[in-house]
Amino acid sequence: MEAREGSHSSPVASAPAAAGLQDAPPPAGEPDATAVAAALASLRREHREVIVCTFYQHLSADDAAARLGISVRDVKRRASSALSEIRRILEERGVQVPQPPATLPIPRPLAS
């Protein structure tokens, strides 16, 4: 059997399915888990691995970087790209995606 692009048999790739992601009802205002799992499955392997490590396995950026053999900076970059891609995929499929809260600027200390 030939491996498909993006398919991966490691525990990292199968964590959402093993965690029963498809069985959980979505919280109010959230996309259903089946749509999110489908979007996640369509990501490139390196993006999917970062999302699985950080969101489903609750690893810190440091721990995910160590597990994946990449820098913390790459973990953060890939996670940001992956989340944007998941949002785009869900919106293309007509799934209502809640907007993230606006970030507030970090206050600067007053000059004395």
Protein backbone atom coordinates (compact mmCIF):
# COMPACT_ATOMS: atom_id res chain seq x y z
CA MET A 1 0.00 0.00 0.00
CA GLU A 2 1.44 3.38 -1.01
CA ALA A 3 1.47 6.20 1.52
CA ARG A 4 -0.46 9.28 0.49
CA GLU A 5 1.02 12.78 0.73
CA GLY A 6 0.24 14.07 4.17
CA SER A 7 -0.58 10.63 5.58
CA HIS A 8 1.34 9.67 8.64
CA SER A 9 0.94 6.65 10.87
CA SER A 10 2.64 8.02 13.97
CA PRO A 11 0.76 8.65 17.21
CA VAL A 12 1.10 12.36 16.49
CA ALA A 13 -0.99 12.13 13.32
CA SER A 14 -3.67 9.86 14.80
CA ALA A 15 -4.17 11.67 18.11
CA PRO A 16 -7.40 13.53 17.15
CA ALA A 17 -9.12 10.32 16.05
CA ALA A 18 -7.86 8.39 19.07
CA ALA A 19 -9.09 11.12 21.38
CA GLY A 20 -12.62 10.70 20.05
CA LEU A 21 -12.59 14.12 18.38
CA GLN A 22 -15.45 13.19 16.06
CA ASP A 23 -17.65 12.05 18.97
CA ALA A 24 -17.55 15.25 21.02
CA PRO A 25 -20.42 17.72 20.54
CA PRO A 26 -19.22 21.21 19.65
CA PRO A 27 -19.46 23.94 22.27
CA ALA A 28 -21.98 26.67 21.43
CA GLY A 29 -20.77 28.75 18.51
CA GLU A 30 -17.92 26.36 17.62
CA PRO A 31 -17.52 24.38 14.37
CA ASP A 32 -18.33 20.69 14.76
CA ALA A 33 -15.43 18.35 15.43
CA THR A 34 -15.91 16.40 12.19
CA ALA A 35 -15.37 19.56 10.12
CA VAL A 36 -12.32 20.50 12.18
CA ALA A 37 -10.89 16.97 11.90
CA ALA A 38 -11.38 17.02 8.12
CA ALA A 39 -9.64 20.41 7.87
CA LEU A 40 -6.82 19.15 10.09
CA ALA A 41 -6.42 16.04 7.94
CA SER A 42 -6.03 18.19 4.83
CA LEU A 43 -3.05 20.12 6.26
CA ARG A 44 0.51 19.35 5.27
CA ARG A 45 2.11 16.84 7.64
CA GLU A 46 4.44 19.33 9.34
CA HIS A 47 1.55 21.69 10.12
CA ARG A 48 -0.71 18.88 11.31
CA GLU A 49 2.00 17.52 13.64
CA VAL A 50 2.43 20.90 15.34
CA ILE A 51 -1.33 21.30 15.86
CA VAL A 52 -1.65 17.77 17.25
CA CYS A 53 1.26 18.29 19.64
CA THR A 54 0.22 21.71 20.90
CA PHE A 55 -3.58 21.52 20.90
CA TYR A 56 -4.48 17.85 21.27
CA GLN A 57 -1.51 16.63 23.30
CA HIS A 58 -1.23 19.93 25.22
CA LEU A 59 2.54 20.19 24.79
CA SER A 60 4.30 23.51 25.30
CA ALA A 61 6.09 25.03 22.33
CA ASP A 62 9.39 23.88 23.91
CA ASP A 63 8.17 20.30 24.31
CA ALA A 64 6.62 20.20 20.82
CA ALA A 65 9.88 21.51 19.35
CA ALA A 66 11.86 18.81 21.15
CA ARG A 67 9.47 16.06 20.05
CA LEU A 68 9.42 17.22 16.42
CA GLY A 69 13.12 18.09 16.23
CA ILE A 70 12.52 21.71 15.20
CA SER A 71 13.03 25.09 16.81
CA VAL A 72 10.45 26.75 19.08
CA ARG A 73 10.28 29.54 16.49
CA ASP A 74 9.32 26.97 13.82
CA VAL A 75 6.67 25.48 16.12
CA LYS A 76 5.09 28.91 16.56
CA ARG A 77 5.37 29.78 12.87
CA ARG A 78 3.86 26.46 11.77
CA ALA A 79 1.08 26.67 14.36
CA SER A 80 0.13 30.15 13.18
CA SER A 81 0.16 29.08 9.53
CA ALA A 82 -1.79 25.91 10.31
CA LEU A 83 -4.50 27.75 12.25
CA SER A 84 -4.90 30.26 9.42
CA GLU A 85 -5.16 27.40 6.93
CA ILE A 86 -7.74 25.54 9.06
CA ARG A 87 -9.80 28.74 9.30
CA ARG A 88 -9.58 29.23 5.51
CA ILE A 89 -10.57 25.61 4.80
CA LEU A 90 -13.53 25.74 7.19
CA GLU A 91 -14.76 29.04 5.76
CA GLU A 92 -14.46 27.65 2.20
CA ARG A 93 -16.64 24.73 3.28
CA GLY A 94 -19.26 27.08 4.68
CA VAL A 95 -18.51 26.34 8.33
CA GLN A 96 -19.14 29.29 10.64
CA VAL A 97 -15.84 30.07 12.37
CA PRO A 98 -15.83 32.38 15.41
CA GLN A 99 -13.45 35.30 15.15
CA PRO A 100 -10.55 35.26 17.60
CA PRO A 101 -10.60 38.00 20.21
CA ALA A 102 -8.74 41.13 19.24
CA THR A 103 -5.38 41.39 20.89
CA LEU A 104 -4.70 44.37 23.02
CA PRO A 105 -1.45 46.27 22.65
CA ILE A 106 1.05 45.72 25.42
CA PRO A 107 1.32 48.93 27.43
CA ARG A 108 4.71 50.58 27.36
CA PRO A 109 6.23 51.81 30.61
CA LEU A 110 6.10 55.54 31.02
CA ALA A 111 9.38 57.31 30.51
CA SER A 112 10.61 58.95 33.69
